[in-house]
């Protein structure tokens, strides 16, 4: 393989490993939090909402392995990132305070298919772009970037949601006439997760303020929704950009498995072949 193709392909595969997990945990964590807090889905209902995502990931993983073996990692990886990005953006467009599995089930399935399809060729692309003696370092680097994507995804997107929640909530509270002296208390209760219990206690003591509690609750959920939409847009755009990156820089090698008869029985002989575009002078 030409040496000038090694570093771009390896770097791209590690970046895609990062962005794929970044986008995956945007759905796993942020959407789950929204469904639990805003939509008030039960634990069982929350698990059922994520079943299409899991089915899509498993089904795509089963099919993509043979695709990568026949055609190499570039097209499967680019297609997976494209589907994952589209699935995340579609989920973002469908999600609302009254959403259910009927609205986001199919979008989560599309995202799951994309993630499952993108993650299968990542390792083969990184291993196929370096010499055999460096395969251990390549595999460990890819796994490290996967974990970093998950950690950074939760940290960065969580910070974005929290920042948007605080800024938009203060703006909404000011618009409905909540005094500034009480705004910090409401923001603190919302961001720490104690708002629901405190609002129920306040309503029980003074039923006359129930309409104010409802307005504040609506403002909090609306601010949370804006932060969620922004974070999912970022994740979706990163995945779409990863599709372009995979299509333009990732090549890797096709994998060929051949059954060989020997004294020990039937063995599988593995060989790798450079795709035609890398064999041209």
Protein backbone atom coordinates (compact mmCIF):
# COMPACT_ATOMS: atom_id res chain seq x y z
CA UNK A 1 0.00 0.00 0.00
CA UNK A 2 1.33 3.46 -0.75
CA UNK A 3 2.68 5.14 2.34
CA UNK A 4 0.96 8.44 1.61
CA UNK A 5 -2.45 6.77 2.05
CA UNK A 6 -1.69 5.22 5.43
CA UNK A 7 -1.93 8.21 7.74
CA UNK A 8 -5.08 9.81 6.23
CA UNK A 9 -6.95 6.49 6.30
CA UNK A 10 -5.84 5.67 9.84
CA UNK A 11 -6.54 9.19 11.14
CA UNK A 12 -9.95 9.22 9.48
CA UNK A 13 -10.96 5.87 10.95
CA UNK A 14 -10.05 7.03 14.47
CA UNK A 15 -11.92 10.32 13.98
CA UNK A 16 -14.98 8.43 12.78
CA UNK A 17 -14.75 6.11 15.80
CA UNK A 18 -14.82 9.25 17.95
CA UNK A 19 -17.73 10.94 16.16
CA UNK A 20 -19.80 7.74 15.94
CA UNK A 21 -19.73 7.27 19.70
CA UNK A 22 -20.16 11.01 20.20
CA UNK A 23 -23.40 10.90 18.22
CA UNK A 24 -24.55 7.60 19.71
CA UNK A 25 -24.35 8.86 23.26
CA UNK A 26 -26.17 12.03 22.22
CA UNK A 27 -29.17 9.76 21.66
CA UNK A 28 -28.50 7.36 24.52
CA UNK A 29 -28.11 10.03 27.17
CA UNK A 30 -29.82 13.24 26.01
CA UNK A 31 -32.92 11.74 24.42
CA UNK A 32 -33.38 9.33 27.31
CA UNK A 33 -33.14 12.22 29.77
CA UNK A 34 -35.67 14.26 27.82
CA UNK A 35 -38.12 11.38 27.56
CA UNK A 36 -37.87 10.69 31.28
CA UNK A 37 -38.03 14.27 32.54
CA UNK A 38 -40.21 16.10 30.01
CA UNK A 39 -42.34 13.38 28.43
CA UNK A 40 -42.57 11.57 31.80
CA UNK A 41 -42.12 8.13 30.25
CA UNK A 42 -42.02 5.21 32.67
CA UNK A 43 -38.80 3.14 32.94
CA UNK A 44 -40.43 0.34 30.94
CA UNK A 45 -41.71 2.77 28.32
CA UNK A 46 -38.24 4.34 28.07
CA UNK A 47 -36.69 0.94 27.45
CA UNK A 48 -39.28 0.16 24.77
CA UNK A 49 -38.59 3.48 23.04
CA UNK A 50 -34.95 2.43 22.59
CA UNK A 51 -35.72 -1.08 21.29
CA UNK A 52 -35.75 0.09 17.61
CA UNK A 53 -32.32 1.65 18.09
CA UNK A 54 -30.91 -1.60 19.51
CA UNK A 55 -32.52 -3.72 16.78
CA UNK A 56 -31.09 -1.46 14.09
CA UNK A 57 -27.58 -1.63 15.55
CA UNK A 58 -27.62 -5.43 15.86
CA UNK A 59 -29.14 -6.03 12.41
CA UNK A 60 -26.71 -3.67 10.69
CA UNK A 61 -23.72 -5.21 12.47
CA UNK A 62 -24.68 -8.66 11.25
CA UNK A 63 -24.97 -7.58 7.63
CA UNK A 64 -22.10 -5.10 7.42
CA UNK A 65 -19.34 -7.59 8.25
CA UNK A 66 -19.84 -9.47 4.96
CA UNK A 67 -20.18 -6.18 3.07
CA UNK A 68 -16.83 -4.98 4.43
CA UNK A 69 -15.21 -8.31 3.57
CA UNK A 70 -16.37 -8.04 -0.05
CA UNK A 71 -15.93 -4.34 -0.78
CA UNK A 72 -13.67 -2.87 1.89
CA UNK A 73 -14.56 -0.43 4.68
CA UNK A 74 -14.98 2.87 2.82
CA UNK A 75 -18.53 2.62 1.44
CA UNK A 76 -20.03 0.83 4.48
CA UNK A 77 -18.45 3.36 6.82
CA UNK A 78 -19.62 6.36 4.79
CA UNK A 79 -23.12 4.90 4.42
CA UNK A 80 -23.31 4.16 8.13
CA UNK A 81 -22.28 7.68 9.13
CA UNK A 82 -24.79 9.11 6.65
CA UNK A 83 -27.66 7.01 8.00
CA UNK A 84 -26.66 7.72 11.61
CA UNK A 85 -26.56 11.46 10.96
CA UNK A 86 -29.91 11.41 9.17
CA UNK A 87 -31.41 9.30 11.97
CA UNK A 88 -30.21 11.71 14.66
CA UNK A 89 -31.52 14.75 12.78
CA UNK A 90 -34.87 13.04 12.10
CA UNK A 91 -35.16 12.15 15.78
CA UNK A 92 -34.43 15.77 16.60
CA UNK A 93 -37.20 16.95 14.27
CA UNK A 94 -39.75 14.50 15.71
CA UNK A 95 -39.11 14.83 19.42
CA UNK A 96 -41.58 16.88 21.45
CA UNK A 97 -43.18 16.86 24.93
CA UNK A 98 -45.85 14.45 23.63
CA UNK A 99 -43.66 12.15 21.56
CA UNK A 100 -43.90 8.36 21.67
CA UNK A 101 -42.46 5.32 20.00
CA UNK A 102 -44.84 5.81 17.08
CA UNK A 103 -43.11 9.09 16.22
CA UNK A 104 -39.44 8.37 17.02
CA UNK A 105 -39.35 4.58 16.77
CA UNK A 106 -38.50 4.55 13.07
CA UNK A 107 -36.04 7.45 13.36
CA UNK A 108 -34.22 5.68 16.19
CA UNK A 109 -34.12 2.56 14.01
CA UNK A 110 -32.48 4.52 11.18
CA UNK A 111 -29.92 5.95 13.61
CA UNK A 112 -29.25 2.47 15.02
CA UNK A 113 -28.70 1.00 11.56
CA UNK A 114 -26.26 3.80 10.78
CA UNK A 115 -24.30 3.43 14.01
CA UNK A 116 -24.10 -0.34 13.69
CA UNK A 117 -23.01 -0.06 10.06
CA UNK A 118 -20.39 2.61 10.78
CA UNK A 119 -18.73 0.91 13.75
CA UNK A 120 -18.09 -2.46 12.07
CA UNK A 121 -15.57 -1.23 9.46
CA UNK A 122 -13.78 1.23 11.76
CA UNK A 123 -11.45 -1.38 13.22
CA UNK A 124 -10.78 -3.10 9.89
CA UNK A 125 -10.03 0.27 8.27
CA UNK A 126 -7.50 1.22 10.93
CA UNK A 127 -5.85 -2.22 10.91
CA UNK A 128 -5.82 -2.35 7.13
CA UNK A 129 -4.09 1.01 6.82
CA UNK A 130 -1.01 0.20 8.95
CA UNK A 131 1.69 -2.46 8.74
CA UNK A 132 0.95 -5.75 10.52
CA UNK A 133 3.54 -5.08 13.23
CA UNK A 134 1.62 -1.95 14.26
CA UNK A 135 -1.83 -3.57 14.38
CA UNK A 136 -1.89 -3.70 18.19
CA UNK A 137 -1.30 0.03 18.50
CA UNK A 138 -3.86 0.72 15.78
CA UNK A 139 -6.56 -1.33 17.50
CA UNK A 140 -5.89 0.23 20.92
CA UNK A 141 -5.92 3.74 19.43
CA UNK A 142 -9.27 3.09 17.78
CA UNK A 143 -10.77 1.78 21.02
CA UNK A 144 -9.39 4.77 22.91
CA UNK A 145 -11.03 7.20 20.50
CA UNK A 146 -14.31 5.32 20.83
CA UNK A 147 -14.27 5.77 24.60
CA UNK A 148 -13.21 9.39 24.25
CA UNK A 149 -16.12 10.01 21.91
CA UNK A 150 -18.56 8.64 24.47
CA UNK A 151 -17.05 10.65 27.36
CA UNK A 152 -16.65 13.89 25.42
CA UNK A 153 -20.09 13.49 23.88
CA UNK A 154 -21.80 13.30 27.26
CA UNK A 155 -19.65 16.09 28.72
CA UNK A 156 -19.84 18.56 25.83
CA UNK A 157 -23.46 17.98 24.85
CA UNK A 158 -24.47 17.91 28.50
CA UNK A 159 -22.80 21.28 29.00
CA UNK A 160 -24.57 22.67 25.94
CA UNK A 161 -27.95 21.45 27.17
CA UNK A 162 -27.31 22.85 30.66
CA UNK A 163 -26.13 26.20 29.29
CA UNK A 164 -29.08 26.53 26.93
CA UNK A 165 -31.43 25.45 29.71
CA UNK A 166 -30.15 28.14 32.05
CA UNK A 167 -30.09 30.98 29.51
CA UNK A 168 -33.46 30.21 27.90
CA UNK A 169 -35.13 29.47 31.22
CA UNK A 170 -34.13 32.85 32.67
CA UNK A 171 -35.44 34.52 29.51
CA UNK A 172 -38.74 32.65 29.73
CA UNK A 173 -39.12 33.34 33.45
CA UNK A 174 -38.59 37.05 32.84
CA UNK A 175 -41.18 36.98 30.06
CA UNK A 176 -43.88 35.48 32.30
CA UNK A 177 -43.12 37.95 35.09
CA UNK A 178 -41.25 35.84 37.65
CA UNK A 179 -39.24 38.20 39.92
CA UNK A 180 -35.45 37.97 39.56
CA UNK A 181 -35.18 37.12 43.26
CA UNK A 182 -36.99 33.82 42.57
CA UNK A 183 -35.47 33.05 39.18
CA UNK A 184 -32.22 31.71 40.65
CA UNK A 185 -34.21 29.39 42.92
CA UNK A 186 -36.21 28.03 39.98
CA UNK A 187 -33.09 27.55 37.84
CA UNK A 188 -31.34 25.76 40.68
CA UNK A 189 -34.32 23.48 41.26
CA UNK A 190 -34.59 22.63 37.56
CA UNK A 191 -30.90 21.96 36.98
CA UNK A 192 -30.56 19.81 40.11
CA UNK A 193 -33.67 17.77 39.34
CA UNK A 194 -35.61 18.76 42.44
CA UNK A 195 -38.12 20.99 40.67
CA UNK A 196 -40.93 18.46 40.32
CA UNK A 197 -40.99 17.53 44.00
CA UNK A 198 -40.70 21.16 45.11
CA UNK A 199 -43.42 22.33 42.71
CA UNK A 200 -45.80 19.62 43.95
CA UNK A 201 -45.10 20.63 47.53
CA UNK A 202 -45.68 24.32 46.76
CA UNK A 203 -48.93 23.59 44.90
CA UNK A 204 -50.20 21.45 47.77
CA UNK A 205 -49.58 24.26 50.23
CA UNK A 206 -50.97 27.03 48.00
CA UNK A 207 -53.35 25.78 45.27
CA UNK A 208 -53.77 29.34 44.03
CA UNK A 209 -50.28 29.36 42.54
CA UNK A 210 -50.88 26.24 40.42
CA UNK A 211 -51.15 28.30 37.22
CA UNK A 212 -47.79 29.95 37.95
CA UNK A 213 -46.23 26.52 38.55
CA UNK A 214 -47.59 25.33 35.20
CA UNK A 215 -46.12 28.34 33.40
CA UNK A 216 -42.74 27.81 35.06
CA UNK A 217 -42.84 24.11 34.20
CA UNK A 218 -43.63 24.92 30.59
CA UNK A 219 -40.76 27.40 30.50
CA UNK A 220 -38.35 24.84 31.94
CA UNK A 221 -39.36 22.12 29.50
CA UNK A 222 -39.17 24.54 26.58
CA UNK A 223 -35.66 25.61 27.59
CA UNK A 224 -34.61 21.98 27.96
CA UNK A 225 -36.01 21.23 24.51
CA UNK A 226 -33.98 24.01 22.92
CA UNK A 227 -30.79 22.69 24.45
CA UNK A 228 -31.62 19.17 23.31
CA UNK A 229 -32.31 20.30 19.74
CA UNK A 230 -28.99 22.14 19.58
CA UNK A 231 -27.01 19.16 20.90
CA UNK A 232 -28.68 16.71 18.49
CA UNK A 233 -28.05 19.07 15.57
CA UNK A 234 -24.36 19.16 16.48
CA UNK A 235 -24.20 15.36 16.73
CA UNK A 236 -26.04 14.88 13.43
CA UNK A 237 -23.86 17.35 11.55
CA UNK A 238 -20.69 15.70 12.90
CA UNK A 239 -21.90 12.32 11.67
CA UNK A 240 -22.73 13.70 8.22
CA UNK A 241 -19.28 15.29 8.06
CA UNK A 242 -17.80 11.92 9.03
CA UNK A 243 -19.57 10.34 6.06
CA UNK A 244 -17.79 12.76 3.72
CA UNK A 245 -14.50 12.13 5.52
CA UNK A 246 -14.88 8.36 5.16
CA UNK A 247 -15.78 8.62 1.50
CA UNK A 248 -12.78 10.78 0.63
CA UNK A 249 -9.98 9.36 2.80
CA UNK A 250 -10.75 5.83 4.00
CA UNK A 251 -9.73 2.95 1.77
CA UNK A 252 -8.38 -0.01 3.74
CA UNK A 253 -8.27 -3.54 2.35
CA UNK A 254 -10.79 -6.12 1.31
CA UNK A 255 -10.81 -9.23 3.45
CA UNK A 256 -10.90 -12.66 1.85
CA UNK A 257 -11.67 -15.82 3.81
CA UNK A 258 -10.88 -19.18 2.23
CA UNK A 259 -11.59 -22.61 3.70
CA UNK A 260 -8.44 -24.76 3.63
CA UNK A 261 -8.28 -28.50 4.24
CA UNK A 262 -5.42 -29.71 6.43
CA UNK A 263 -4.51 -32.53 8.77
CA UNK A 264 -5.98 -30.55 11.65
CA UNK A 265 -9.31 -30.26 9.82
CA UNK A 266 -10.97 -27.33 8.05
CA UNK A 267 -9.17 -24.03 8.58
CA UNK A 268 -9.97 -20.50 7.44
CA UNK A 269 -7.22 -18.68 5.59
CA UNK A 270 -7.46 -14.89 5.84
CA UNK A 271 -5.90 -12.58 3.28
CA UNK A 272 -6.20 -8.87 2.54
CA UNK A 273 -6.23 -7.15 -0.83
CA UNK A 274 -5.81 -3.49 -1.60
CA UNK A 275 -8.76 -1.96 -3.49
CA UNK A 276 -8.07 -1.00 -7.13
CA UNK A 277 -7.82 2.74 -6.42
CA UNK A 278 -4.74 2.14 -4.25
CA UNK A 279 -3.03 -0.10 -6.81
CA UNK A 280 -2.93 2.55 -9.50
CA UNK A 281 0.45 4.29 -9.95
